[in-house]
Amino acid sequence: YLLAVLAVTMASAANTNLNAVRETMDVLLEISRLLNTGLDMESLSICVRLCEQGINPEALSAVIKELRKASETLKVSENCTN
């Protein structure tokens, strides 16, 4: 009986935690949209996980900006060749 109660309690805690994570990600996505970051939910999730792993958020931001610049340069270059 105790194991059944423990299993139900753990499942309930996991659901509560999952809901909290979803709410947090929804809030972060809304902030991201308000700031016009251009990050979608998947990109934002990756950034959050990287920060949780210890990556410096400012360094991550700089890398994203550089990747966007490089991508734009490639697009312009491709348009000039076509």
PDB file of N, CA and C in Angstrom:
ATOM      1  N   TYR A   1       0.832  -1.199   0.000  1.00  0.00           N
ATOM      2  CA  TYR A   1       0.000   0.000   0.000  1.00  0.00           C
ATOM      3  C   TYR A   1       0.869   1.251   0.000  1.00  0.00           C
ATOM      4  N   LEU A   2       1.897   1.259   0.820  1.00  0.00           N
ATOM      5  CA  LEU A   2       2.782   2.411   0.917  1.00  0.00           C
ATOM      6  C   LEU A   2       3.453   2.692  -0.424  1.00  0.00           C
ATOM      7  N   LEU A   3       3.865   1.642  -1.119  1.00  0.00           N
ATOM      8  CA  LEU A   3       4.494   1.823  -2.428  1.00  0.00           C
ATOM      9  C   LEU A   3       3.521   2.418  -3.436  1.00  0.00           C
ATOM     10  N   ALA A   4       2.260   2.020  -3.375  1.00  0.00           N
ATOM     11  CA  ALA A   4       1.252   2.568  -4.284  1.00  0.00           C
ATOM     12  C   ALA A   4       1.048   4.050  -4.015  1.00  0.00           C
ATOM     13  N   VAL A   5       0.979   4.420  -2.741  1.00  0.00           N
ATOM     14  CA  VAL A   5       0.824   5.834  -2.370  1.00  0.00           C
ATOM     15  C   VAL A   5       2.048   6.624  -2.823  1.00  0.00           C
ATOM     16  N   LEU A   6       3.227   6.056  -2.619  1.00  0.00           N
ATOM     17  CA  LEU A   6       4.461   6.712  -3.036  1.00  0.00           C
ATOM     18  C   LEU A   6       4.490   6.900  -4.549  1.00  0.00           C
ATOM     19  N   ALA A   7       4.073   5.893  -5.293  1.00  0.00           N
ATOM     20  CA  ALA A   7       4.051   5.978  -6.756  1.00  0.00           C
ATOM     21  C   ALA A   7       3.091   7.064  -7.221  1.00  0.00           C
ATOM     22  N   VAL A   8       1.914   7.135  -6.612  1.00  0.00           N
ATOM     23  CA  VAL A   8       0.934   8.168  -6.977  1.00  0.00           C
ATOM     24  C   VAL A   8       1.473   9.548  -6.628  1.00  0.00           C
ATOM     25  N   THR A   9       2.092   9.671  -5.471  1.00  0.00           N
ATOM     26  CA  THR A   9       2.663  10.949  -5.042  1.00  0.00           C
ATOM     27  C   THR A   9       3.765  11.395  -5.991  1.00  0.00           C
ATOM     28  N   MET A  10       4.628  10.470  -6.388  1.00  0.00           N
ATOM     29  CA  MET A  10       5.718  10.799  -7.305  1.00  0.00           C
ATOM     30  C   MET A  10       5.178  11.197  -8.672  1.00  0.00           C
ATOM     31  N   ALA A  11       4.164  10.507  -9.152  1.00  0.00           N
ATOM     32  CA  ALA A  11       3.560  10.842 -10.442  1.00  0.00           C
ATOM     33  C   ALA A  11       2.929  12.221 -10.384  1.00  0.00           C
ATOM     34  N   SER A  12       2.271  12.518  -9.279  1.00  0.00           N
ATOM     35  CA  SER A  12       1.647  13.829  -9.103  1.00  0.00           C
ATOM     36  C   SER A  12       2.706  14.927  -9.065  1.00  0.00           C
ATOM     37  N   ALA A  13       3.807  14.674  -8.366  1.00  0.00           N
ATOM     38  CA  ALA A  13       4.899  15.647  -8.293  1.00  0.00           C
ATOM     39  C   ALA A  13       5.520  15.858  -9.665  1.00  0.00           C
ATOM     40  N   ALA A  14       5.669  14.784 -10.426  1.00  0.00           N
ATOM     41  CA  ALA A  14       6.235  14.896 -11.774  1.00  0.00           C
ATOM     42  C   ALA A  14       5.324  15.723 -12.668  1.00  0.00           C
ATOM     43  N   ASN A  15       4.011  15.506 -12.571  1.00  0.00           N
ATOM     44  CA  ASN A  15       3.061  16.290 -13.363  1.00  0.00           C
ATOM     45  C   ASN A  15       3.093  17.756 -12.969  1.00  0.00           C
ATOM     46  N   THR A  16       3.177  18.021 -11.670  1.00  0.00           N
ATOM     47  CA  THR A  16       3.251  19.399 -11.181  1.00  0.00           C
ATOM     48  C   THR A  16       4.514  20.061 -11.702  1.00  0.00           C
ATOM     49  N   ASN A  17       5.635  19.341 -11.647  1.00  0.00           N
ATOM     50  CA  ASN A  17       6.903  19.874 -12.131  1.00  0.00           C
ATOM     51  C   ASN A  17       6.840  20.134 -13.629  1.00  0.00           C
ATOM     52  N   LEU A  18       6.260  19.216 -14.376  1.00  0.00           N
ATOM     53  CA  LEU A  18       6.133  19.378 -15.821  1.00  0.00           C
ATOM     54  C   LEU A  18       5.285  20.597 -16.154  1.00  0.00           C
ATOM     55  N   ASN A  19       4.204  20.793 -15.423  1.00  0.00           N
ATOM     56  CA  ASN A  19       3.357  21.968 -15.639  1.00  0.00           C
ATOM     57  C   ASN A  19       4.109  23.256 -15.329  1.00  0.00           C
ATOM     58  N   ALA A  20       4.921  23.239 -14.276  1.00  0.00           N
ATOM     59  CA  ALA A  20       5.714  24.414 -13.917  1.00  0.00           C
ATOM     60  C   ALA A  20       6.727  24.731 -15.010  1.00  0.00           C
ATOM     61  N   VAL A  21       7.352  23.702 -15.565  1.00  0.00           N
ATOM     62  CA  VAL A  21       8.320  23.895 -16.649  1.00  0.00           C
ATOM     63  C   VAL A  21       7.619  24.480 -17.874  1.00  0.00           C
ATOM     64  N   ARG A  22       6.454  23.949 -18.211  1.00  0.00           N
ATOM     65  CA  ARG A  22       5.699  24.465 -19.362  1.00  0.00           C
ATOM     66  C   ARG A  22       5.323  25.927 -19.163  1.00  0.00           C
ATOM     67  N   GLU A  23       4.845  26.253 -17.958  1.00  0.00           N
ATOM     68  CA  GLU A  23       4.475  27.639 -17.670  1.00  0.00           C
ATOM     69  C   GLU A  23       5.680  28.559 -17.791  1.00  0.00           C
ATOM     70  N   THR A  24       6.809  28.123 -17.254  1.00  0.00           N
ATOM     71  CA  THR A  24       8.029  28.920 -17.325  1.00  0.00           C
ATOM     72  C   THR A  24       8.448  29.142 -18.770  1.00  0.00           C
ATOM     73  N   MET A  25       8.410  28.090 -19.571  1.00  0.00           N
ATOM     74  CA  MET A  25       8.791  28.222 -20.980  1.00  0.00           C
ATOM     75  C   MET A  25       7.819  29.130 -21.728  1.00  0.00           C
ATOM     76  N   ASP A  26       6.534  29.048 -21.408  1.00  0.00           N
ATOM     77  CA  ASP A  26       5.551  29.930 -22.040  1.00  0.00           C
ATOM     78  C   ASP A  26       5.838  31.391 -21.711  1.00  0.00           C
ATOM     79  N   VAL A  27       6.179  31.658 -20.448  1.00  0.00           N
ATOM     80  CA  VAL A  27       6.509  33.026 -20.036  1.00  0.00           C
ATOM     81  C   VAL A  27       7.775  33.497 -20.740  1.00  0.00           C
ATOM     82  N   LEU A  28       8.797  32.633 -20.785  1.00  0.00           N
ATOM     83  CA  LEU A  28      10.038  32.996 -21.473  1.00  0.00           C
ATOM     84  C   LEU A  28       9.800  33.262 -22.954  1.00  0.00           C
ATOM     85  N   LEU A  29       8.944  32.466 -23.584  1.00  0.00           N
ATOM     86  CA  LEU A  29       8.637  32.672 -24.997  1.00  0.00           C
ATOM     87  C   LEU A  29       7.924  34.004 -25.200  1.00  0.00           C
ATOM     88  N   GLU A  30       7.015  34.341 -24.316  1.00  0.00           N
ATOM     89  CA  GLU A  30       6.307  35.621 -24.425  1.00  0.00           C
ATOM     90  C   GLU A  30       7.278  36.790 -24.263  1.00  0.00           C
ATOM     91  N   ILE A  31       8.180  36.696 -23.294  1.00  0.00           N
ATOM     92  CA  ILE A  31       9.202  37.734 -23.112  1.00  0.00           C
ATOM     93  C   ILE A  31      10.073  37.820 -24.354  1.00  0.00           C
ATOM     94  N   SER A  32      10.449  36.672 -24.888  1.00  0.00           N
ATOM     95  CA  SER A  32      11.262  36.618 -26.101  1.00  0.00           C
ATOM     96  C   SER A  32      10.565  37.320 -27.259  1.00  0.00           C
ATOM     97  N   ARG A  33       9.274  37.087 -27.396  1.00  0.00           N
ATOM     98  CA  ARG A  33       8.502  37.733 -28.467  1.00  0.00           C
ATOM     99  C   ARG A  33       8.410  39.236 -28.247  1.00  0.00           C
ATOM    100  N   LEU A  34       8.173  39.646 -26.998  1.00  0.00           N
ATOM    101  CA  LEU A  34       8.089  41.077 -26.691  1.00  0.00           C
ATOM    102  C   LEU A  34       9.399  41.794 -27.008  1.00  0.00           C
ATOM    103  N   LEU A  35      10.508  41.084 -26.820  1.00  0.00           N
ATOM    104  CA  LEU A  35      11.825  41.657 -27.096  1.00  0.00           C
ATOM    105  C   LEU A  35      12.269  41.458 -28.545  1.00  0.00           C
ATOM    106  N   ASN A  36      11.391  40.850 -29.354  1.00  0.00           N
ATOM    107  CA  ASN A  36      11.696  40.599 -30.774  1.00  0.00           C
ATOM    108  C   ASN A  36      13.023  39.875 -30.971  1.00  0.00           C
ATOM    109  N   THR A  37      13.237  38.817 -30.198  1.00  0.00           N
ATOM    110  CA  THR A  37      14.489  38.065 -30.319  1.00  0.00           C
ATOM    111  C   THR A  37      14.533  37.194 -31.567  1.00  0.00           C
ATOM    112  N   GLY A  38      13.355  36.846 -32.087  1.00  0.00           N
ATOM    113  CA  GLY A  38      13.311  35.969 -33.247  1.00  0.00           C
ATOM    114  C   GLY A  38      13.509  34.500 -32.902  1.00  0.00           C
ATOM    115  N   LEU A  39      13.509  34.178 -31.614  1.00  0.00           N
ATOM    116  CA  LEU A  39      13.682  32.786 -31.198  1.00  0.00           C
ATOM    117  C   LEU A  39      12.326  32.096 -31.135  1.00  0.00           C
ATOM    118  N   ASP A  40      12.256  30.894 -31.708  1.00  0.00           N
ATOM    119  CA  ASP A  40      11.037  30.091 -31.569  1.00  0.00           C
ATOM    120  C   ASP A  40      11.177  29.234 -30.307  1.00  0.00           C
ATOM    121  N   MET A  41      10.145  28.462 -30.009  1.00  0.00           N
ATOM    122  CA  MET A  41      10.144  27.668 -28.776  1.00  0.00           C
ATOM    123  C   MET A  41      11.314  26.687 -28.736  1.00  0.00           C
ATOM    124  N   GLU A  42      11.612  26.061 -29.862  1.00  0.00           N
ATOM    125  CA  GLU A  42      12.711  25.086 -29.891  1.00  0.00           C
ATOM    126  C   GLU A  42      14.052  25.765 -29.632  1.00  0.00           C
ATOM    127  N   SER A  43      14.294  26.884 -30.306  1.00  0.00           N
ATOM    128  CA  SER A  43      15.553  27.612 -30.114  1.00  0.00           C
ATOM    129  C   SER A  43      15.677  28.122 -28.687  1.00  0.00           C
ATOM    130  N   LEU A  44      14.583  28.641 -28.165  1.00  0.00           N
ATOM    131  CA  LEU A  44      14.581  29.138 -26.794  1.00  0.00           C
ATOM    132  C   LEU A  44      14.862  28.004 -25.809  1.00  0.00           C
ATOM    133  N   SER A  45      14.268  26.846 -26.035  1.00  0.00           N
ATOM    134  CA  SER A  45      14.503  25.685 -25.166  1.00  0.00           C
ATOM    135  C   SER A  45      15.968  25.274 -25.186  1.00  0.00           C
ATOM    136  N   ILE A  46      16.563  25.303 -26.366  1.00  0.00           N
ATOM    137  CA  ILE A  46      17.987  24.962 -26.484  1.00  0.00           C
ATOM    138  C   ILE A  46      18.829  25.962 -25.705  1.00  0.00           C
ATOM    139  N   CYS A  47      18.507  27.239 -25.841  1.00  0.00           N
ATOM    140  CA  CYS A  47      19.245  28.276 -25.111  1.00  0.00           C
ATOM    141  C   CYS A  47      19.116  28.090 -23.600  1.00  0.00           C
ATOM    142  N   VAL A  48      17.912  27.799 -23.139  1.00  0.00           N
ATOM    143  CA  VAL A  48      17.691  27.579 -21.704  1.00  0.00           C
ATOM    144  C   VAL A  48      18.517  26.390 -21.225  1.00  0.00           C
ATOM    145  N   ARG A  49      18.503  25.296 -21.984  1.00  0.00           N
ATOM    146  CA  ARG A  49      19.281  24.110 -21.582  1.00  0.00           C
ATOM    147  C   ARG A  49      20.771  24.418 -21.555  1.00  0.00           C
ATOM    148  N   LEU A  50      21.250  25.175 -22.533  1.00  0.00           N
ATOM    149  CA  LEU A  50      22.669  25.538 -22.547  1.00  0.00           C
ATOM    150  C   LEU A  50      23.026  26.379 -21.324  1.00  0.00           C
ATOM    151  N   CYS A  51      22.163  27.322 -20.981  1.00  0.00           N
ATOM    152  CA  CYS A  51      22.406  28.147 -19.792  1.00  0.00           C
ATOM    153  C   CYS A  51      22.377  27.298 -18.525  1.00  0.00           C
ATOM    154  N   GLU A  52      21.471  26.337 -18.476  1.00  0.00           N
ATOM    155  CA  GLU A  52      21.417  25.429 -17.324  1.00  0.00           C
ATOM    156  C   GLU A  52      22.686  24.590 -17.220  1.00  0.00           C
ATOM    157  N   GLN A  53      23.340  24.350 -18.357  1.00  0.00           N
ATOM    158  CA  GLN A  53      24.583  23.572 -18.381  1.00  0.00           C
ATOM    159  C   GLN A  53      25.794  24.431 -18.025  1.00  0.00           C
ATOM    160  N   GLY A  54      25.560  25.747 -17.839  1.00  0.00           N
ATOM    161  CA  GLY A  54      26.648  26.625 -17.422  1.00  0.00           C
ATOM    162  C   GLY A  54      27.178  27.556 -18.496  1.00  0.00           C
ATOM    163  N   ILE A  55      26.568  27.539 -19.677  1.00  0.00           N
ATOM    164  CA  ILE A  55      27.009  28.445 -20.740  1.00  0.00           C
ATOM    165  C   ILE A  55      26.653  29.874 -20.345  1.00  0.00           C
ATOM    166  N   ASN A  56      27.574  30.791 -20.559  1.00  0.00           N
ATOM    167  CA  ASN A  56      27.348  32.201 -20.254  1.00  0.00           C
ATOM    168  C   ASN A  56      26.277  32.757 -21.190  1.00  0.00           C
ATOM    169  N   PRO A  57      25.180  33.307 -20.654  1.00  0.00           N
ATOM    170  CA  PRO A  57      24.096  33.819 -21.501  1.00  0.00           C
ATOM    171  C   PRO A  57      24.535  34.932 -22.453  1.00  0.00           C
ATOM    172  N   GLU A  58      25.442  35.795 -21.998  1.00  0.00           N
ATOM    173  CA  GLU A  58      25.912  36.875 -22.868  1.00  0.00           C
ATOM    174  C   GLU A  58      26.739  36.322 -24.025  1.00  0.00           C
ATOM    175  N   ALA A  59      27.555  35.320 -23.744  1.00  0.00           N
ATOM    176  CA  ALA A  59      28.342  34.689 -24.803  1.00  0.00           C
ATOM    177  C   ALA A  59      27.421  33.979 -25.788  1.00  0.00           C
ATOM    178  N   LEU A  60      26.397  33.319 -25.279  1.00  0.00           N
ATOM    179  CA  LEU A  60      25.426  32.640 -26.138  1.00  0.00           C
ATOM    180  C   LEU A  60      24.718  33.643 -27.034  1.00  0.00           C
ATOM    181  N   SER A  61      24.334  34.770 -26.470  1.00  0.00           N
ATOM    182  CA  SER A  61      23.687  35.827 -27.244  1.00  0.00           C
ATOM    183  C   SER A  61      24.609  36.328 -28.358  1.00  0.00           C
ATOM    184  N   ALA A  62      25.876  36.511 -28.037  1.00  0.00           N
ATOM    185  CA  ALA A  62      26.841  36.978 -29.037  1.00  0.00           C
ATOM    186  C   ALA A  62      26.990  35.964 -30.168  1.00  0.00           C
ATOM    187  N   VAL A  63      27.017  34.683 -29.831  1.00  0.00           N
ATOM    188  CA  VAL A  63      27.129  33.635 -30.854  1.00  0.00           C
ATOM    189  C   VAL A  63      25.904  33.642 -31.760  1.00  0.00           C
ATOM    190  N   ILE A  64      24.723  33.769 -31.170  1.00  0.00           N
ATOM    191  CA  ILE A  64      23.488  33.806 -31.971  1.00  0.00           C
ATOM    192  C   ILE A  64      23.513  34.995 -32.926  1.00  0.00           C
ATOM    193  N   LYS A  65      23.937  36.152 -32.428  1.00  0.00           N
ATOM    194  CA  LYS A  65      24.014  37.348 -33.284  1.00  0.00           C
ATOM    195  C   LYS A  65      24.996  37.134 -34.429  1.00  0.00           C
ATOM    196  N   GLU A  66      26.146  36.537 -34.131  1.00  0.00           N
ATOM    197  CA  GLU A  66      27.146  36.281 -35.174  1.00  0.00           C
ATOM    198  C   GLU A  66      26.631  35.290 -36.207  1.00  0.00           C
ATOM    199  N   LEU A  67      25.944  34.250 -35.748  1.00  0.00           N
ATOM    200  CA  LEU A  67      25.374  33.272 -36.685  1.00  0.00           C
ATOM    201  C   LEU A  67      24.336  33.926 -37.593  1.00  0.00           C
ATOM    202  N   ARG A  68      23.542  34.821 -37.042  1.00  0.00           N
ATOM    203  CA  ARG A  68      22.546  35.528 -37.856  1.00  0.00           C
ATOM    204  C   ARG A  68      23.217  36.421 -38.890  1.00  0.00           C
ATOM    205  N   LYS A  69      24.286  37.116 -38.479  1.00  0.00           N
ATOM    206  CA  LYS A  69      25.022  37.964 -39.427  1.00  0.00           C
ATOM    207  C   LYS A  69      25.611  37.114 -40.550  1.00  0.00           C
ATOM    208  N   ALA A  70      26.221  35.995 -40.189  1.00  0.00           N
ATOM    209  CA  ALA A  70      26.824  35.113 -41.190  1.00  0.00           C
ATOM    210  C   ALA A  70      25.764  34.565 -42.132  1.00  0.00           C
ATOM    211  N   SER A  71      24.620  34.212 -41.589  1.00  0.00           N
ATOM    212  CA  SER A  71      23.521  33.702 -42.409  1.00  0.00           C
ATOM    213  C   SER A  71      23.037  34.766 -43.384  1.00  0.00           C
ATOM    214  N   GLU A  72      22.896  35.987 -42.906  1.00  0.00           N
ATOM    215  CA  GLU A  72      22.450  37.090 -43.766  1.00  0.00           C
ATOM    216  C   GLU A  72      23.482  37.367 -44.861  1.00  0.00           C
ATOM    217  N   THR A  73      24.752  37.318 -44.516  1.00  0.00           N
ATOM    218  CA  THR A  73      25.814  37.524 -45.501  1.00  0.00           C
ATOM    219  C   THR A  73      25.753  36.463 -46.586  1.00  0.00           C
ATOM    220  N   LEU A  74      25.526  35.215 -46.188  1.00  0.00           N
ATOM    221  CA  LEU A  74      25.408  34.132 -47.169  1.00  0.00           C
ATOM    222  C   LEU A  74      24.207  34.340 -48.082  1.00  0.00           C
ATOM    223  N   LYS A  75      23.094  34.776 -47.515  1.00  0.00           N
ATOM    224  CA  LYS A  75      21.895  35.023 -48.320  1.00  0.00           C
ATOM    225  C   LYS A  75      22.144  36.122 -49.343  1.00  0.00           C
ATOM    226  N   VAL A  76      22.775  37.196 -48.913  1.00  0.00           N
ATOM    227  CA  VAL A  76      23.083  38.302 -49.824  1.00  0.00           C
ATOM    228  C   VAL A  76      24.032  37.824 -50.909  1.00  0.00           C
ATOM    229  N   SER A  77      25.034  37.044 -50.518  1.00  0.00           N
ATOM    230  CA  SER A  77      26.001  36.516 -51.474  1.00  0.00           C
ATOM    231  C   SER A  77      25.327  35.618 -52.503  1.00  0.00           C
ATOM    232  N   GLU A  78      24.406  34.771 -52.047  1.00  0.00           N
ATOM    233  CA  GLU A  78      23.687  33.882 -52.965  1.00  0.00           C
ATOM    234  C   GLU A  78      22.805  34.675 -53.921  1.00  0.00           C
ATOM    235  N   ASN A  79      22.183  35.738 -53.423  1.00  0.00           N
ATOM    236  CA  ASN A  79      21.328  36.569 -54.274  1.00  0.00           C
ATOM    237  C   ASN A  79      22.137  37.294 -55.341  1.00  0.00           C
ATOM    238  N   CYS A  80      23.355  37.676 -55.004  1.00  0.00           N
ATOM    239  CA  CYS A  80      24.214  38.365 -55.975  1.00  0.00           C
ATOM    240  C   CYS A  80      24.684  37.412 -57.066  1.00  0.00           C
ATOM    241  N   THR A  81      24.872  36.144 -56.728  1.00  0.00           N
ATOM    242  CA  THR A  81      25.344  35.156 -57.706  1.00  0.00           C
ATOM    243  C   THR A  81      24.232  34.717 -58.642  1.00  0.00           C
ATOM    244  N   ASN A  82      23.005  34.754 -58.165  1.00  0.00           N
ATOM    245  CA  ASN A  82      21.884  34.300 -59.001  1.00  0.00           C
ATOM    246  C   ASN A  82      21.460  35.386 -59.877  1.00  0.00           C
TER     247      ASN A  82
END
